[in-house]
Protein backbone atom coordinates (compact mmCIF):
# COMPACT_ATOMS: atom_id res chain seq x y z
CA MET A 1 110.86 -46.80 72.45
CA SER A 2 114.08 -46.62 70.48
CA ASN A 3 113.54 -42.82 69.66
CA CYS A 4 113.06 -41.96 73.11
CA SER A 5 116.56 -41.04 73.96
CA ARG A 6 117.33 -39.59 70.89
CA LYS A 7 117.87 -35.47 70.79
CA PRO A 8 115.64 -34.72 67.43
CA ASN A 9 116.69 -32.32 64.90
CA LYS A 10 114.86 -29.18 65.07
CA LEU A 11 112.05 -28.97 62.21
CA SER A 12 109.79 -26.27 61.86
CA ARG A 13 106.19 -26.84 62.54
CA ARG A 14 105.10 -24.76 59.35
CA ASP A 15 107.64 -27.26 57.26
CA PHE A 16 106.36 -30.01 58.86
CA LEU A 17 102.90 -29.61 58.05
CA HIS A 18 103.79 -28.68 54.50
CA ASP A 19 106.12 -31.56 53.88
CA VAL A 20 104.88 -34.07 51.82
CA GLY A 21 107.72 -36.50 52.01
CA ILE A 22 106.68 -38.28 55.07
CA ALA A 23 105.44 -41.71 54.74
CA ALA A 24 103.02 -43.53 56.40
CA ALA A 25 105.59 -46.73 56.57
CA GLY A 26 107.35 -44.43 58.57
CA LEU A 27 104.56 -44.46 61.43
CA VAL A 28 105.23 -47.01 63.95
CA LEU A 29 101.68 -46.26 65.34
CA ALA A 30 98.83 -48.60 66.27
CA SER A 31 95.30 -48.49 64.00
CA CYS A 32 96.76 -45.56 61.59
CA THR A 33 93.83 -45.65 59.44
CA PRO A 34 90.86 -44.19 61.17
CA LYS A 35 87.89 -45.94 61.51
CA GLY A 36 84.27 -44.42 60.50
CA THR A 37 82.51 -41.76 62.75
CA PRO A 38 79.98 -43.95 64.55
CA ALA A 39 76.52 -42.56 64.93
CA PRO A 40 75.27 -40.43 67.37
CA THR A 41 74.76 -41.97 70.84
CA ALA A 42 70.89 -41.87 71.97
CA GLN A 43 70.51 -39.48 74.76
CA PRO A 44 68.51 -40.72 77.73
CA VAL A 45 64.87 -39.13 78.34
CA ALA A 46 64.77 -37.23 81.58
CA THR A 47 62.29 -37.00 84.02
CA GLN A 48 60.96 -34.40 86.51
CA VAL A 49 58.58 -34.47 89.44
CA ALA A 50 55.49 -32.58 88.65
CA ALA A 51 52.91 -31.86 91.57
CA THR A 52 49.64 -32.72 89.94
CA VAL A 53 46.10 -31.98 92.09
CA THR A 54 43.50 -34.76 92.18
CA GLN A 55 39.97 -34.19 92.07
CA ALA A 56 40.11 -34.20 96.09
CA GLY A 57 42.17 -31.54 96.06
CA VAL A 58 45.41 -33.72 97.23
CA ALA A 59 48.62 -32.96 95.48
CA GLN A 60 50.42 -36.22 93.87
CA ALA A 61 53.56 -36.56 92.44
CA THR A 62 53.99 -37.38 89.27
CA SER A 63 56.82 -38.23 86.67
CA VAL A 64 56.92 -36.10 83.52
CA PRO A 65 59.14 -36.57 80.66
CA VAL A 66 61.13 -33.62 80.06
CA ALA A 67 63.98 -32.77 77.54
CA ASN A 68 67.60 -33.21 78.56
CA PRO A 69 68.61 -29.76 80.33
CA LYS A 70 70.40 -27.83 78.27
CA ALA A 71 74.63 -27.46 78.55
CA THR A 72 75.38 -23.93 79.90
CA VAL A 73 78.26 -22.01 78.68
CA ALA A 74 78.89 -18.75 80.42
CA ILE A 75 80.47 -15.55 78.52
CA ALA A 76 81.84 -12.44 80.70
CA LYS A 77 83.74 -9.38 79.26
CA ALA A 78 87.32 -8.62 80.06
CA ALA A 79 89.04 -6.03 77.84
CA THR A 80 92.59 -6.44 79.76
CA TYR A 81 94.19 -8.81 82.18
CA ASP A 82 93.88 -6.67 84.87
CA PRO A 83 94.15 -9.01 87.97
CA LYS A 84 91.27 -7.51 89.83
CA LEU A 85 88.81 -7.63 86.58
CA ILE A 86 90.43 -10.91 85.52
CA LYS A 87 89.37 -12.65 88.87
CA GLN A 88 85.75 -11.11 89.13
CA GLN A 89 85.13 -12.27 85.50
CA VAL A 90 86.38 -15.67 86.34
CA GLN A 91 84.45 -15.80 88.96
CA ALA A 92 81.09 -14.60 87.05
CA VAL A 93 81.74 -17.16 84.39
CA LEU A 94 81.85 -19.76 86.87
CA ASP A 95 78.91 -18.69 89.11
CA GLY A 96 77.14 -18.52 85.80
CA ILE A 97 77.71 -22.36 85.12
CA GLY A 98 76.31 -23.21 88.57
CA GLY A 99 79.68 -23.08 90.38
CA ILE A 100 82.32 -25.61 90.76
CA ALA A 101 80.99 -27.73 93.99
CA ASP A 102 80.11 -30.58 91.66
CA VAL A 103 83.40 -30.27 89.69
CA LEU A 104 85.40 -30.74 93.29
CA ALA A 105 82.75 -33.42 94.08
CA HIS A 106 84.82 -36.46 94.18
CA GLY A 107 87.99 -35.04 95.94
CA ASN A 108 90.30 -31.91 95.90
CA ARG A 109 93.27 -32.85 93.79
CA VAL A 110 93.03 -30.52 90.46
CA ALA A 111 94.88 -30.16 87.37
CA ILE A 112 94.96 -27.15 85.17
CA LYS A 113 96.16 -27.64 81.68
CA VAL A 114 97.55 -24.71 79.85
CA ASN A 115 98.31 -24.13 76.51
CA MET A 116 102.28 -23.26 76.00
CA THR A 117 102.39 -24.09 72.39
CA GLY A 118 105.44 -23.19 70.20
CA GLY A 119 108.03 -22.59 72.83
CA VAL A 120 110.22 -20.30 73.74
CA THR A 121 111.93 -20.49 70.39
CA SER A 122 109.28 -19.22 68.24
CA VAL A 123 109.47 -15.76 67.72
CA PRO A 124 106.57 -13.59 68.99
CA LEU A 125 104.47 -10.99 66.67
CA PRO A 126 106.27 -7.35 66.99
CA GLY A 127 105.81 -5.54 70.14
CA ILE A 128 103.02 -8.38 71.29
CA PRO A 129 103.53 -10.74 74.47
CA GLU A 130 103.10 -14.37 73.53
CA ILE A 131 100.50 -14.58 76.51
CA GLU A 132 98.47 -11.96 74.63
CA SER A 133 98.31 -13.42 71.34
CA PHE A 134 98.98 -17.52 71.54
CA ILE A 135 99.81 -18.61 75.07
CA THR A 136 97.13 -18.92 78.03
CA HIS A 137 97.60 -15.93 79.82
CA PRO A 138 98.89 -16.42 83.45
CA GLU A 139 96.66 -14.24 85.29
CA VAL A 140 93.47 -16.22 84.18
CA VAL A 141 95.42 -19.18 85.57
CA ARG A 142 95.91 -17.62 88.89
CA ALA A 143 92.60 -16.24 89.26
CA LEU A 144 91.10 -19.75 88.52
CA ILE A 145 93.73 -21.10 91.43
CA GLU A 146 92.36 -18.69 93.79
CA LEU A 147 88.95 -19.53 93.24
CA LEU A 148 89.46 -23.14 93.50
CA ARG A 149 91.23 -22.58 96.73
CA ASP A 150 88.31 -20.69 98.06
CA ALA A 151 86.14 -23.73 96.60
CA GLY A 152 87.88 -26.27 98.95
CA ALA A 153 90.73 -27.51 96.26
CA LYS A 154 93.76 -28.77 98.42
CA ASP A 155 96.17 -29.63 95.71
CA ILE A 156 96.50 -27.76 92.70
CA PHE A 157 98.73 -28.78 89.53
CA ILE A 158 99.49 -26.34 86.41
CA VAL A 159 100.36 -29.21 83.72
CA GLU A 160 101.40 -29.31 80.09
CA ALA A 161 103.77 -31.06 78.02
CA ALA A 162 106.48 -28.11 77.38
CA TYR A 163 108.77 -28.43 74.45
CA GLU A 164 111.30 -26.39 77.16
CA ASP A 165 111.66 -26.23 80.49
CA GLU A 166 112.17 -22.42 79.84
CA SER A 167 108.71 -22.03 79.20
CA TRP A 168 107.43 -22.21 82.70
CA PRO A 169 109.07 -19.06 83.94
CA HIS A 170 109.38 -17.40 80.43
CA TYR A 171 105.40 -17.15 80.33
CA GLY A 172 105.04 -16.16 84.01
CA PHE A 173 103.68 -19.90 85.49
CA THR A 174 106.61 -20.35 87.53
CA ASP A 175 105.51 -17.07 89.49
CA VAL A 176 101.92 -18.03 89.55
CA ALA A 177 102.73 -21.46 90.83
CA LYS A 178 104.75 -19.88 93.92
CA SER A 179 102.37 -17.22 94.84
CA THR A 180 99.44 -19.54 95.00
CA GLY A 181 100.81 -22.68 96.53
CA ALA A 182 100.17 -24.40 93.04
CA THR A 183 102.65 -27.36 91.60
CA ILE A 184 104.02 -27.33 88.40
CA VAL A 185 104.25 -30.89 86.51
CA ASP A 186 105.72 -30.76 83.39
CA LEU A 187 104.26 -33.58 81.35
CA THR A 188 107.13 -34.12 79.21
CA HIS A 189 108.55 -35.76 81.92
CA GLU A 190 107.87 -38.49 84.35
CA ALA A 191 108.56 -36.39 87.57
CA PRO A 192 107.33 -36.60 90.28
CA TYR A 193 106.64 -40.57 89.37
CA LYS A 194 109.38 -43.03 88.49
CA ASP A 195 107.68 -43.45 85.24
CA PHE A 196 105.02 -42.95 82.77
CA ALA A 197 101.68 -44.61 82.94
CA THR A 198 99.86 -46.32 80.22
CA THR A 199 96.43 -44.80 80.01
CA PRO A 200 93.57 -46.67 77.94
CA VAL A 201 91.00 -44.87 75.59
CA SER A 202 87.79 -45.64 77.41
CA GLY A 203 84.35 -44.99 75.73
CA PRO A 204 81.88 -44.15 74.41
CA GLY A 205 82.90 -45.67 71.35
CA SER A 206 85.64 -47.28 70.10
CA PRO A 207 89.27 -45.84 69.67
CA PHE A 208 89.89 -44.23 66.63
CA ILE A 209 93.79 -44.14 66.22
CA TYR A 210 95.12 -45.01 69.68
CA ASP A 211 93.88 -47.22 72.31
CA LYS A 212 96.21 -45.94 75.05
CA PHE A 213 98.25 -43.08 75.38
CA ILE A 214 101.70 -42.60 77.54
CA PHE A 215 100.81 -40.27 80.20
CA ASN A 216 102.59 -38.63 83.50
CA PRO A 217 100.66 -40.66 86.20
CA ILE A 218 99.36 -36.90 87.52
CA LEU A 219 96.59 -36.98 84.95
CA GLN A 220 94.97 -39.81 86.43
CA ASP A 221 95.83 -39.24 90.33
CA VAL A 222 93.67 -36.01 90.05
CA ASP A 223 90.46 -35.65 90.95
CA ALA A 224 89.38 -32.97 88.30
CA PHE A 225 90.71 -31.85 85.27
CA ILE A 226 90.15 -28.35 83.60
CA SER A 227 91.30 -27.34 80.43
CA VAL A 228 92.47 -23.34 80.10
CA PRO A 229 93.26 -22.74 76.55
CA LYS A 230 93.73 -19.78 74.72
CA MET A 231 90.73 -19.33 71.92
CA LYS A 232 92.70 -19.38 68.37
CA CYS A 233 92.18 -20.38 64.93
CA HIS A 234 93.91 -23.44 63.71
CA ASN A 235 96.01 -24.36 60.58
CA VAL A 236 94.77 -27.86 60.44
CA CYS A 237 91.85 -28.12 62.88
CA GLY A 238 90.10 -25.16 61.70
CA VAL A 239 89.73 -23.84 65.74
CA THR A 240 91.88 -24.74 68.71
CA GLN A 241 89.89 -24.73 71.91
CA SER A 242 89.75 -26.84 75.18
CA MET A 243 89.41 -30.00 73.64
CA LYS A 244 92.25 -29.54 70.82
CA ASN A 245 94.48 -28.36 74.08
CA LEU A 246 94.64 -31.94 75.23
CA ILE A 247 97.38 -32.57 72.26
CA GLY A 248 99.60 -30.95 74.85
CA LEU A 249 99.21 -33.79 77.39
CA VAL A 250 101.73 -36.30 75.76
CA PRO A 251 105.68 -36.15 75.81
CA TYR A 252 106.33 -35.15 72.19
CA ARG A 253 109.21 -37.64 71.99
CA PHE A 254 106.73 -40.68 72.06
CA TYR A 255 104.88 -39.42 69.01
CA VAL A 256 107.16 -38.44 66.34
CA VAL A 257 108.11 -39.59 63.25
CA ASN A 258 111.61 -41.02 63.32
CA GLY A 259 112.74 -39.01 65.95
CA SER A 260 113.26 -35.88 63.48
CA ASP A 261 111.02 -33.12 64.97
CA THR A 262 109.25 -31.92 67.99
CA TYR A 263 106.02 -31.65 67.00
CA ARG A 264 104.19 -34.63 67.67
CA SER A 265 104.06 -35.68 64.21
CA GLY A 266 102.83 -39.05 64.64
CA PHE A 267 99.48 -37.56 65.69
CA HIS A 268 99.22 -35.80 62.19
CA GLY A 269 100.45 -38.59 60.26
CA SER A 270 101.63 -38.54 56.43
CA SER A 271 100.25 -35.17 54.16
CA ASP A 272 97.22 -37.15 52.94
CA GLU A 273 96.23 -38.74 56.43
CA ILE A 274 95.87 -35.33 58.35
CA MET A 275 93.02 -34.09 57.59
CA HIS A 276 91.17 -37.51 59.27
CA ARG A 277 93.76 -38.35 61.71
CA LEU A 278 94.43 -35.20 63.90
CA PRO A 279 90.82 -34.73 64.71
CA ARG A 280 90.35 -38.03 65.78
CA VAL A 281 93.43 -38.37 67.84
CA ILE A 282 91.76 -35.26 69.52
CA MET A 283 88.50 -37.56 70.57
CA ASP A 284 90.85 -40.19 71.55
CA LEU A 285 92.65 -38.10 73.87
CA ASN A 286 89.78 -36.77 75.20
CA ARG A 287 88.32 -39.82 75.96
CA ALA A 288 91.58 -40.91 77.83
CA ARG A 289 91.58 -38.12 80.16
CA ARG A 290 88.08 -36.46 80.27
CA VAL A 291 87.77 -32.42 80.43
CA ASN A 292 85.76 -31.72 83.90
CA LEU A 293 85.83 -27.77 82.97
CA SER A 294 86.52 -25.79 80.27
CA LEU A 295 87.76 -22.18 80.97
CA ILE A 296 88.63 -20.23 77.64
CA ASP A 297 91.04 -17.14 77.35
CA ALA A 298 89.53 -14.73 74.60
CA VAL A 299 90.46 -11.98 76.08
CA MET A 300 93.75 -11.06 73.74
CA THR A 301 94.14 -14.15 71.25
CA GLY A 302 95.09 -14.58 67.56
CA GLU A 303 93.71 -15.35 64.04
CA GLY A 304 95.06 -17.13 61.21
CA GLY A 305 96.55 -20.15 62.73
CA GLU A 306 97.64 -21.13 65.98
CA GLY A 307 100.77 -18.94 66.41
CA PRO A 308 103.18 -16.72 64.39
CA TRP A 309 104.69 -19.59 62.75
CA ILE A 310 101.46 -19.64 60.37
CA THR A 311 103.69 -16.98 58.72
CA GLY A 312 101.84 -14.17 56.74
CA GLN A 313 98.24 -15.08 58.69
CA PHE A 314 98.77 -14.94 62.33
CA GLN A 315 97.77 -11.75 64.05
CA GLN A 316 96.49 -10.37 67.16
CA VAL A 317 92.60 -10.13 67.96
CA LYS A 318 91.34 -8.53 71.07
CA ALA A 319 88.05 -10.19 71.57
CA GLY A 320 87.83 -9.25 75.03
CA PHE A 321 86.03 -12.11 76.99
CA LEU A 322 86.15 -15.39 78.75
CA LEU A 323 84.28 -18.19 78.50
CA ALA A 324 83.52 -21.31 80.71
CA GLY A 325 81.63 -24.63 80.71
CA LYS A 326 81.38 -28.35 81.85
CA ASP A 327 80.76 -29.54 78.57
CA PRO A 328 83.70 -29.32 76.87
CA VAL A 329 82.14 -29.42 73.31
CA ALA A 330 79.34 -27.05 74.02
CA THR A 331 82.11 -24.76 75.32
CA ASP A 332 84.20 -25.21 72.29
CA ALA A 333 81.00 -24.57 70.13
CA VAL A 334 80.04 -21.22 71.61
CA ALA A 335 83.86 -20.14 71.43
CA THR A 336 83.75 -21.14 67.84
CA ALA A 337 80.42 -19.18 67.05
CA THR A 338 81.85 -15.96 68.74
CA MET A 339 84.82 -16.27 66.44
CA GLY A 340 82.13 -15.98 63.43
CA PHE A 341 82.22 -19.54 62.63
CA ASP A 342 79.49 -22.26 62.55
CA PRO A 343 80.49 -25.01 65.08
CA THR A 344 78.54 -27.65 63.19
CA ILE A 345 79.94 -27.08 59.64
CA GLU A 346 81.89 -29.39 58.01
CA TYR A 347 85.09 -29.69 55.82
CA PRO A 348 85.80 -27.88 53.61
CA THR A 349 83.87 -25.04 54.75
CA SER A 350 85.57 -22.16 56.82
CA PRO A 351 87.00 -22.50 59.44
CA PHE A 352 87.14 -26.37 58.87
CA LEU A 353 89.41 -25.84 55.55
CA HIS A 354 91.73 -28.41 56.01
CA ALA A 355 90.38 -31.31 58.08
CA ASP A 356 87.24 -32.76 59.52
CA ASN A 357 85.31 -30.92 62.34
CA HIS A 358 86.28 -32.43 65.58
CA LEU A 359 83.27 -30.78 67.34
CA ASN A 360 81.09 -33.04 64.96
CA ILE A 361 82.99 -36.06 65.70
CA ALA A 362 82.79 -35.28 69.32
CA HIS A 363 78.48 -34.71 69.20
CA SER A 364 78.34 -37.94 67.25
CA LEU A 365 80.24 -39.86 70.10
CA GLY A 366 77.99 -38.58 72.72
CA LEU A 367 80.84 -36.69 74.31
CA GLY A 368 78.79 -33.36 74.10
CA THR A 369 76.76 -31.14 71.97
CA ASN A 370 78.01 -28.43 69.34
CA VAL A 371 74.36 -27.47 68.14
CA LEU A 372 73.82 -24.01 69.79
CA SER A 373 70.27 -24.58 70.06
CA GLU A 374 70.83 -27.31 72.45
CA ILE A 375 73.09 -24.84 74.55
CA LYS A 376 72.00 -22.25 77.44
CA VAL A 377 74.42 -19.19 77.13
CA VAL A 378 74.39 -17.10 80.12
CA GLY A 379 76.07 -13.88 81.17
CA ALA A 380 77.03 -11.97 78.25
CA THR A 381 75.37 -13.35 74.46
CA ILE A 382 77.33 -14.41 71.53
CA ASP A 383 76.29 -11.48 69.44
CA GLU A 384 77.48 -9.26 72.09
CA VAL A 385 81.17 -10.40 72.15
CA LYS A 386 81.18 -11.88 68.38
CA THR A 387 84.50 -10.72 66.71
CA PRO A 388 85.08 -12.17 63.39
CA PHE A 389 87.86 -14.38 62.97
CA LYS A 390 90.06 -15.06 59.70
CA PRO A 391 90.41 -18.50 59.26
CA SER A 392 93.65 -20.28 58.51
CA TYR A 393 94.08 -20.94 54.71
């Protein structure tokens, strides 16, 4: 792409989101107009073997149709990032969802996608570290890596398409990698490979906006992929959890408008496209690289937006818990419910005030469920940890 070697001028994310001067004609992208959301995918009916007794008193196995087993999401309280407490509670949520043996069943190479949105140039809230408001806390990642090692994971990679190389030591992930033997792979660059890979979007359903993405090959070389976001509100998408976290998989320079920013403006599109476009880009990303496990940091986070650049709205919330699940849609739905929002509500109802609810789209594709009655919550209950968040207006 011709703009790949061009050093972009800085444009604030807040300014970009309100810049009505971006024209759709400036997008050199495939399939810019989103297709309609497909009908929900029919789910197969499960069967179980039940023992019945014949008149002769002999046990006989019969197949009995049963409802699909509920997706399971675990919640564990944690008021601080004390390392001992965090490891104990990460262990608790992983145990609550049946452990991670099945996550590692296909091999022992694992990628952990953290959330380092904004970069080191973002001014934090006064007196509040970024990792206690809008960046994944490194202690959550440290605990996860240690438990993955105990479960047999051999090669563990901490990944993110960082805005600046300084982000890794600044937010504590360099120290975590060194102490745990994990490897950092910055998805902004092609290293340790010779080049990027083109990865297709594959079922269920047809691609909405992109039929392929430019990824660092590590994303397809690993056997398991874990999304570890910070639970927050989002100015466009309403909430940002484990599925929205995948926006940070791609090098921004391949997905900008005319090389004028560092915020993947191609994902947003023009001002009149964004409400339909961005939620569907999230779906395309989640079908190009499926999430095998979600672990959400909701110990200390933020409301009113995704970071302090949402001026006048973003502020810290001490929610005090962690969540985990193997169905990312269900995990994000439970997280959304703990914020006081209905995960099935549609635009323009709070928190989905500016765009379509991407969780509804995910459900319609058959990627998982955002219907709380279809989800089994273990550990702490939603009501026990519910902390009403202010949406981003």
